[in-house]
Amino acid sequence: MVKLVNQTIFAAKIKEKKLALFSSKDIRMLFGVSKRAATMLLHRYAKNGFVVRAKRGLYALGEFPPPQLFLANVLYGPSYISCEFALSYHRIIPETAYEITSITTKATRRFERFGKIFSYRKIHARAFTGYTVEQDRGYSFRIADPEKAFVDALYYRARTNKEPLSRFAKEHIDRTRALQYAELFQNKKLISMIKQTLA
């Protein structure tokens, strides 16, 4: 006989432990059930929408979704949030970026989870730097500093022959720091674009 857990008790325990995401192993430890019971429980709750599968092996309560910036790091990694979303977060650009764009050293990917689009753009390992760790409701996430977000955004614009950013708070971008980040890409077009944009 497989031991099941009442939804109310299940949700209360998850919230008590502040588990934004949880696995079958977490369920086994929290409720003292077998591996088979934990798997069946998650399958059953995912089927009725009580829990939502965030990625393979990781779930969240449907009524208690994880903080989006925390989730962006967890969905696909190693990664850090960057480009227009980070620029909007730092209030460098006036627009609100609805898609959360992250930088990774792995292959380019795009996911939709909890009604949000999470995209991941590949970068060379030597340029995978320039981020800090911040907090959202007690959950940590990695996000590019203003200069690195600016350089990352222009790098992809240079690669796709798009115009550089035109509306941004230039006074909040350190030109020297931005050029140091640009050098990591070893891309003359990008360096030229940075120099012109921050002239």
C-alpha atoms as a PDB file:
ATOM      1  CA  MET A   1       0.000   0.000   0.000  1.00  0.00           C
ATOM      2  CA  VAL A   2       1.502   3.334  -1.085  1.00  0.00           C
ATOM      3  CA  LYS A   3       1.295   6.029   1.592  1.00  0.00           C
ATOM      4  CA  LEU A   4      -0.148   9.271   0.221  1.00  0.00           C
ATOM      5  CA  VAL A   5      -0.117  12.729   1.787  1.00  0.00           C
ATOM      6  CA  ASN A   6      -3.073  15.072   2.068  1.00  0.00           C
ATOM      7  CA  GLN A   7      -2.720  18.159  -0.179  1.00  0.00           C
ATOM      8  CA  THR A   8      -3.258  20.614   2.677  1.00  0.00           C
ATOM      9  CA  ILE A   9      -0.573  18.966   4.810  1.00  0.00           C
ATOM     10  CA  PHE A  10       1.715  18.677   1.786  1.00  0.00           C
ATOM     11  CA  ALA A  11       1.424  22.395   0.922  1.00  0.00           C
ATOM     12  CA  ALA A  12       1.809  23.485   4.550  1.00  0.00           C
ATOM     13  CA  LYS A  13       5.041  21.509   4.953  1.00  0.00           C
ATOM     14  CA  ILE A  14       6.530  22.795   1.698  1.00  0.00           C
ATOM     15  CA  LYS A  15       5.747  26.398   2.668  1.00  0.00           C
ATOM     16  CA  GLU A  16       7.049  25.879   6.204  1.00  0.00           C
ATOM     17  CA  LYS A  17      10.388  24.695   4.818  1.00  0.00           C
ATOM     18  CA  LYS A  18      10.360  27.526   2.234  1.00  0.00           C
ATOM     19  CA  LEU A  19      11.030  25.107  -0.614  1.00  0.00           C
ATOM     20  CA  ALA A  20      10.475  27.127  -3.782  1.00  0.00           C
ATOM     21  CA  LEU A  21      11.455  23.984  -5.684  1.00  0.00           C
ATOM     22  CA  PHE A  22      11.484  20.414  -4.452  1.00  0.00           C
ATOM     23  CA  SER A  23      12.393  16.944  -5.683  1.00  0.00           C
ATOM     24  CA  SER A  24      11.272  13.396  -5.016  1.00  0.00           C
ATOM     25  CA  LYS A  25      14.121  13.122  -2.497  1.00  0.00           C
ATOM     26  CA  ASP A  26      12.790  16.158  -0.605  1.00  0.00           C
ATOM     27  CA  ILE A  27       9.329  14.566  -0.401  1.00  0.00           C
ATOM     28  CA  ARG A  28      10.785  11.311   0.925  1.00  0.00           C
ATOM     29  CA  MET A  29      12.679  13.162   3.655  1.00  0.00           C
ATOM     30  CA  LEU A  30       9.812  15.504   4.607  1.00  0.00           C
ATOM     31  CA  PHE A  31       7.066  12.901   4.825  1.00  0.00           C
ATOM     32  CA  GLY A  32       8.938   9.670   5.471  1.00  0.00           C
ATOM     33  CA  VAL A  33       7.534   7.943   2.393  1.00  0.00           C
ATOM     34  CA  SER A  34       9.196   5.492   0.040  1.00  0.00           C
ATOM     35  CA  LYS A  35      10.803   6.454  -3.259  1.00  0.00           C
ATOM     36  CA  ARG A  36       7.861   4.860  -5.092  1.00  0.00           C
ATOM     37  CA  ALA A  37       5.315   6.759  -2.979  1.00  0.00           C
ATOM     38  CA  ALA A  38       7.115  10.097  -3.517  1.00  0.00           C
ATOM     39  CA  THR A  39       7.216   9.522  -7.286  1.00  0.00           C
ATOM     40  CA  MET A  40       3.534   8.557  -7.397  1.00  0.00           C
ATOM     41  CA  LEU A  41       2.575  11.537  -5.233  1.00  0.00           C
ATOM     42  CA  LEU A  42       4.384  14.026  -7.472  1.00  0.00           C
ATOM     43  CA  HIS A  43       2.952  12.413 -10.601  1.00  0.00           C
ATOM     44  CA  ARG A  44      -0.564  12.547  -9.176  1.00  0.00           C
ATOM     45  CA  TYR A  45      -0.260  16.163  -7.998  1.00  0.00           C
ATOM     46  CA  ALA A  46       1.342  17.280 -11.271  1.00  0.00           C
ATOM     47  CA  LYS A  47      -1.533  15.697 -13.187  1.00  0.00           C
ATOM     48  CA  ASN A  48      -4.175  17.698 -11.294  1.00  0.00           C
ATOM     49  CA  GLY A  49      -2.115  20.914 -11.364  1.00  0.00           C
ATOM     50  CA  PHE A  50      -1.500  21.037  -7.618  1.00  0.00           C
ATOM     51  CA  VAL A  51       2.244  20.958  -8.324  1.00  0.00           C
ATOM     52  CA  VAL A  52       3.970  22.179 -11.489  1.00  0.00           C
ATOM     53  CA  ARG A  53       7.053  20.614 -13.042  1.00  0.00           C
ATOM     54  CA  ALA A  54       9.733  23.304 -13.330  1.00  0.00           C
ATOM     55  CA  LYS A  55      12.328  21.034 -14.918  1.00  0.00           C
ATOM     56  CA  ARG A  56      13.181  17.363 -14.855  1.00  0.00           C
ATOM     57  CA  GLY A  57      13.088  16.216 -11.253  1.00  0.00           C
ATOM     58  CA  LEU A  58      12.104  19.601  -9.801  1.00  0.00           C
ATOM     59  CA  TYR A  59       8.619  20.804  -8.901  1.00  0.00           C
ATOM     60  CA  ALA A  60       6.871  23.798  -7.339  1.00  0.00           C
ATOM     61  CA  LEU A  61       3.483  24.307  -5.741  1.00  0.00           C
ATOM     62  CA  GLY A  62       1.041  25.610  -8.338  1.00  0.00           C
ATOM     63  CA  GLU A  63      -0.201  28.301  -5.931  1.00  0.00           C
ATOM     64  CA  PHE A  64       3.303  29.133  -4.696  1.00  0.00           C
ATOM     65  CA  PRO A  65       5.542  29.554  -7.766  1.00  0.00           C
ATOM     66  CA  PRO A  66       9.259  30.196  -7.203  1.00  0.00           C
ATOM     67  CA  PRO A  67      10.652  33.729  -7.610  1.00  0.00           C
ATOM     68  CA  GLN A  68      11.260  34.228 -11.336  1.00  0.00           C
ATOM     69  CA  LEU A  69      14.853  35.443 -11.024  1.00  0.00           C
ATOM     70  CA  PHE A  70      15.774  32.505  -8.801  1.00  0.00           C
ATOM     71  CA  LEU A  71      14.075  30.150 -11.259  1.00  0.00           C
ATOM     72  CA  ALA A  72      15.987  31.653 -14.191  1.00  0.00           C
ATOM     73  CA  ASN A  73      19.268  30.458 -12.647  1.00  0.00           C
ATOM     74  CA  VAL A  74      17.898  27.022 -11.740  1.00  0.00           C
ATOM     75  CA  LEU A  75      16.181  26.125 -15.021  1.00  0.00           C
ATOM     76  CA  TYR A  76      19.387  26.023 -17.030  1.00  0.00           C
ATOM     77  CA  GLY A  77      22.913  26.518 -15.825  1.00  0.00           C
ATOM     78  CA  PRO A  78      25.465  27.643 -15.311  1.00  0.00           C
ATOM     79  CA  SER A  79      23.799  30.938 -16.136  1.00  0.00           C
ATOM     80  CA  TYR A  80      23.286  34.516 -15.008  1.00  0.00           C
ATOM     81  CA  ILE A  81      20.548  37.005 -15.932  1.00  0.00           C
ATOM     82  CA  SER A  82      21.721  39.664 -18.385  1.00  0.00           C
ATOM     83  CA  CYS A  83      21.021  41.774 -21.490  1.00  0.00           C
ATOM     84  CA  GLU A  84      17.860  43.899 -21.643  1.00  0.00           C
ATOM     85  CA  PHE A  85      16.238  42.264 -18.637  1.00  0.00           C
ATOM     86  CA  ALA A  86      19.218  43.054 -16.389  1.00  0.00           C
ATOM     87  CA  LEU A  87      19.453  46.560 -17.864  1.00  0.00           C
ATOM     88  CA  SER A  88      15.784  47.107 -17.014  1.00  0.00           C
ATOM     89  CA  TYR A  89      16.347  45.651 -13.533  1.00  0.00           C
ATOM     90  CA  HIS A  90      19.213  48.118 -12.952  1.00  0.00           C
ATOM     91  CA  ARG A  91      17.078  50.935 -14.474  1.00  0.00           C
ATOM     92  CA  ILE A  92      19.601  51.571 -17.233  1.00  0.00           C
ATOM     93  CA  ILE A  93      16.897  51.379 -19.912  1.00  0.00           C
ATOM     94  CA  PRO A  94      13.345  52.751 -19.482  1.00  0.00           C
ATOM     95  CA  GLU A  95      11.594  49.789 -21.061  1.00  0.00           C
ATOM     96  CA  THR A  96      10.338  46.790 -19.095  1.00  0.00           C
ATOM     97  CA  ALA A  97      11.767  43.523 -20.417  1.00  0.00           C
ATOM     98  CA  TYR A  98       9.194  40.750 -20.131  1.00  0.00           C
ATOM     99  CA  GLU A  99      11.425  37.909 -21.335  1.00  0.00           C
ATOM    100  CA  ILE A 100      14.132  36.954 -18.850  1.00  0.00           C
ATOM    101  CA  THR A 101      17.329  36.565 -20.850  1.00  0.00           C
ATOM    102  CA  SER A 102      20.280  34.778 -19.318  1.00  0.00           C
ATOM    103  CA  ILE A 103      23.821  34.042 -20.425  1.00  0.00           C
ATOM    104  CA  THR A 104      25.228  30.515 -20.335  1.00  0.00           C
ATOM    105  CA  THR A 105      28.282  28.607 -21.542  1.00  0.00           C
ATOM    106  CA  LYS A 106      25.962  25.836 -22.754  1.00  0.00           C
ATOM    107  CA  ALA A 107      23.805  25.630 -25.873  1.00  0.00           C
ATOM    108  CA  THR A 108      21.153  28.284 -26.552  1.00  0.00           C
ATOM    109  CA  ARG A 109      17.748  27.357 -25.097  1.00  0.00           C
ATOM    110  CA  ARG A 110      14.281  28.839 -24.507  1.00  0.00           C
ATOM    111  CA  PHE A 111      11.643  27.711 -22.005  1.00  0.00           C
ATOM    112  CA  GLU A 112       8.179  28.801 -20.894  1.00  0.00           C
ATOM    113  CA  ARG A 113       7.413  28.212 -17.237  1.00  0.00           C
ATOM    114  CA  PHE A 114       4.744  29.689 -14.954  1.00  0.00           C
ATOM    115  CA  GLY A 115       3.605  32.019 -17.731  1.00  0.00           C
ATOM    116  CA  LYS A 116       7.075  33.509 -18.269  1.00  0.00           C
ATOM    117  CA  ILE A 117       9.611  33.127 -21.102  1.00  0.00           C
ATOM    118  CA  PHE A 118      13.169  32.252 -20.064  1.00  0.00           C
ATOM    119  CA  SER A 119      15.789  32.422 -22.822  1.00  0.00           C
ATOM    120  CA  TYR A 120      19.456  31.438 -22.612  1.00  0.00           C
ATOM    121  CA  ARG A 121      22.187  32.657 -24.954  1.00  0.00           C
ATOM    122  CA  LYS A 122      25.531  30.957 -25.350  1.00  0.00           C
ATOM    123  CA  ILE A 123      28.733  32.833 -24.592  1.00  0.00           C
ATOM    124  CA  HIS A 124      32.412  31.865 -24.580  1.00  0.00           C
ATOM    125  CA  ALA A 125      33.638  30.738 -21.163  1.00  0.00           C
ATOM    126  CA  ARG A 126      36.211  33.552 -21.032  1.00  0.00           C
ATOM    127  CA  ALA A 127      33.379  36.126 -21.091  1.00  0.00           C
ATOM    128  CA  PHE A 128      31.255  34.325 -18.492  1.00  0.00           C
ATOM    129  CA  THR A 129      31.843  36.855 -15.715  1.00  0.00           C
ATOM    130  CA  GLY A 130      30.656  40.235 -14.481  1.00  0.00           C
ATOM    131  CA  TYR A 131      27.693  39.119 -12.386  1.00  0.00           C
ATOM    132  CA  THR A 132      26.762  39.503  -8.731  1.00  0.00           C
ATOM    133  CA  VAL A 133      24.548  37.482  -6.410  1.00  0.00           C
ATOM    134  CA  GLU A 134      21.383  39.228  -5.231  1.00  0.00           C
ATOM    135  CA  GLN A 135      18.284  38.209  -3.281  1.00  0.00           C
ATOM    136  CA  ASP A 136      14.582  37.997  -4.098  1.00  0.00           C
ATOM    137  CA  ARG A 137      12.324  37.066  -1.156  1.00  0.00           C
ATOM    138  CA  GLY A 138      15.225  35.250   0.482  1.00  0.00           C
ATOM    139  CA  TYR A 139      16.254  33.305  -2.655  1.00  0.00           C
ATOM    140  CA  SER A 140      19.607  34.025  -4.315  1.00  0.00           C
ATOM    141  CA  PHE A 141      20.114  34.658  -8.029  1.00  0.00           C
ATOM    142  CA  ARG A 142      23.013  35.704 -10.272  1.00  0.00           C
ATOM    143  CA  ILE A 143      22.569  38.828 -12.384  1.00  0.00           C
ATOM    144  CA  ALA A 144      25.001  40.816 -14.545  1.00  0.00           C
ATOM    145  CA  ASP A 145      26.214  44.149 -13.243  1.00  0.00           C
ATOM    146  CA  PRO A 146      25.131  47.152 -15.381  1.00  0.00           C
ATOM    147  CA  GLU A 147      28.285  47.249 -17.523  1.00  0.00           C
ATOM    148  CA  LYS A 148      28.296  43.498 -18.240  1.00  0.00           C
ATOM    149  CA  ALA A 149      24.569  43.492 -19.073  1.00  0.00           C
ATOM    150  CA  PHE A 150      25.219  46.404 -21.440  1.00  0.00           C
ATOM    151  CA  VAL A 151      28.140  44.648 -23.151  1.00  0.00           C
ATOM    152  CA  ASP A 152      26.274  41.332 -23.400  1.00  0.00           C
ATOM    153  CA  ALA A 153      23.287  43.086 -25.003  1.00  0.00           C
ATOM    154  CA  LEU A 154      25.484  44.875 -27.547  1.00  0.00           C
ATOM    155  CA  TYR A 155      27.406  41.696 -28.318  1.00  0.00           C
ATOM    156  CA  TYR A 156      24.239  39.973 -29.541  1.00  0.00           C
ATOM    157  CA  ARG A 157      23.154  43.110 -31.373  1.00  0.00           C
ATOM    158  CA  ALA A 158      26.530  43.223 -33.136  1.00  0.00           C
ATOM    159  CA  ARG A 159      26.242  39.546 -34.078  1.00  0.00           C
ATOM    160  CA  THR A 160      22.795  40.028 -35.622  1.00  0.00           C
ATOM    161  CA  ASN A 161      23.570  43.407 -37.240  1.00  0.00           C
ATOM    162  CA  LYS A 162      21.070  45.256 -35.055  1.00  0.00           C
ATOM    163  CA  GLU A 163      21.425  48.869 -34.044  1.00  0.00           C
ATOM    164  CA  PRO A 164      23.070  49.499 -30.641  1.00  0.00           C
ATOM    165  CA  LEU A 165      20.938  50.640 -27.722  1.00  0.00           C
ATOM    166  CA  SER A 166      19.888  54.267 -28.148  1.00  0.00           C
ATOM    167  CA  ARG A 167      17.893  55.042 -25.007  1.00  0.00           C
ATOM    168  CA  PHE A 168      19.821  54.235 -21.850  1.00  0.00           C
ATOM    169  CA  ALA A 169      21.235  55.980 -18.779  1.00  0.00           C
ATOM    170  CA  LYS A 170      24.770  56.498 -20.078  1.00  0.00           C
ATOM    171  CA  GLU A 171      25.840  58.158 -16.820  1.00  0.00           C
ATOM    172  CA  HIS A 172      25.276  54.850 -14.989  1.00  0.00           C
ATOM    173  CA  ILE A 173      27.643  52.901 -17.259  1.00  0.00           C
ATOM    174  CA  ASP A 174      31.360  52.983 -16.440  1.00  0.00           C
ATOM    175  CA  ARG A 175      33.058  53.206 -19.859  1.00  0.00           C
ATOM    176  CA  THR A 176      36.388  51.741 -18.708  1.00  0.00           C
ATOM    177  CA  ARG A 177      34.706  48.787 -17.049  1.00  0.00           C
ATOM    178  CA  ALA A 178      32.485  48.181 -20.081  1.00  0.00           C
ATOM    179  CA  LEU A 179      35.499  48.153 -22.418  1.00  0.00           C
ATOM    180  CA  GLN A 180      37.291  45.694 -20.136  1.00  0.00           C
ATOM    181  CA  TYR A 181      34.320  43.347 -20.429  1.00  0.00           C
ATOM    182  CA  ALA A 182      34.160  43.910 -24.200  1.00  0.00           C
ATOM    183  CA  GLU A 183      37.801  42.834 -24.570  1.00  0.00           C
ATOM    184  CA  LEU A 184      36.850  39.379 -23.256  1.00  0.00           C
ATOM    185  CA  PHE A 185      34.780  38.745 -26.387  1.00  0.00           C
ATOM    186  CA  GLN A 186      37.740  39.375 -28.716  1.00  0.00           C
ATOM    187  CA  ASN A 187      35.330  41.003 -31.149  1.00  0.00           C
ATOM    188  CA  LYS A 188      36.477  44.222 -32.869  1.00  0.00           C
ATOM    189  CA  LYS A 189      32.975  45.139 -34.010  1.00  0.00           C
ATOM    190  CA  LEU A 190      31.705  44.954 -30.431  1.00  0.00           C
ATOM    191  CA  ILE A 191      34.575  47.046 -29.054  1.00  0.00           C
ATOM    192  CA  SER A 192      33.992  49.677 -31.738  1.00  0.00           C
ATOM    193  CA  MET A 193      30.258  49.713 -30.957  1.00  0.00           C
ATOM    194  CA  ILE A 194      30.940  50.159 -27.230  1.00  0.00           C
ATOM    195  CA  LYS A 195      33.331  53.041 -27.875  1.00  0.00           C
ATOM    196  CA  GLN A 196      30.889  54.822 -30.162  1.00  0.00           C
ATOM    197  CA  THR A 197      27.871  54.263 -27.931  1.00  0.00           C
ATOM    198  CA  LEU A 198      29.662  55.461 -24.790  1.00  0.00           C
ATOM    199  CA  ALA A 199      31.557  58.324 -26.457  1.00  0.00           C
END
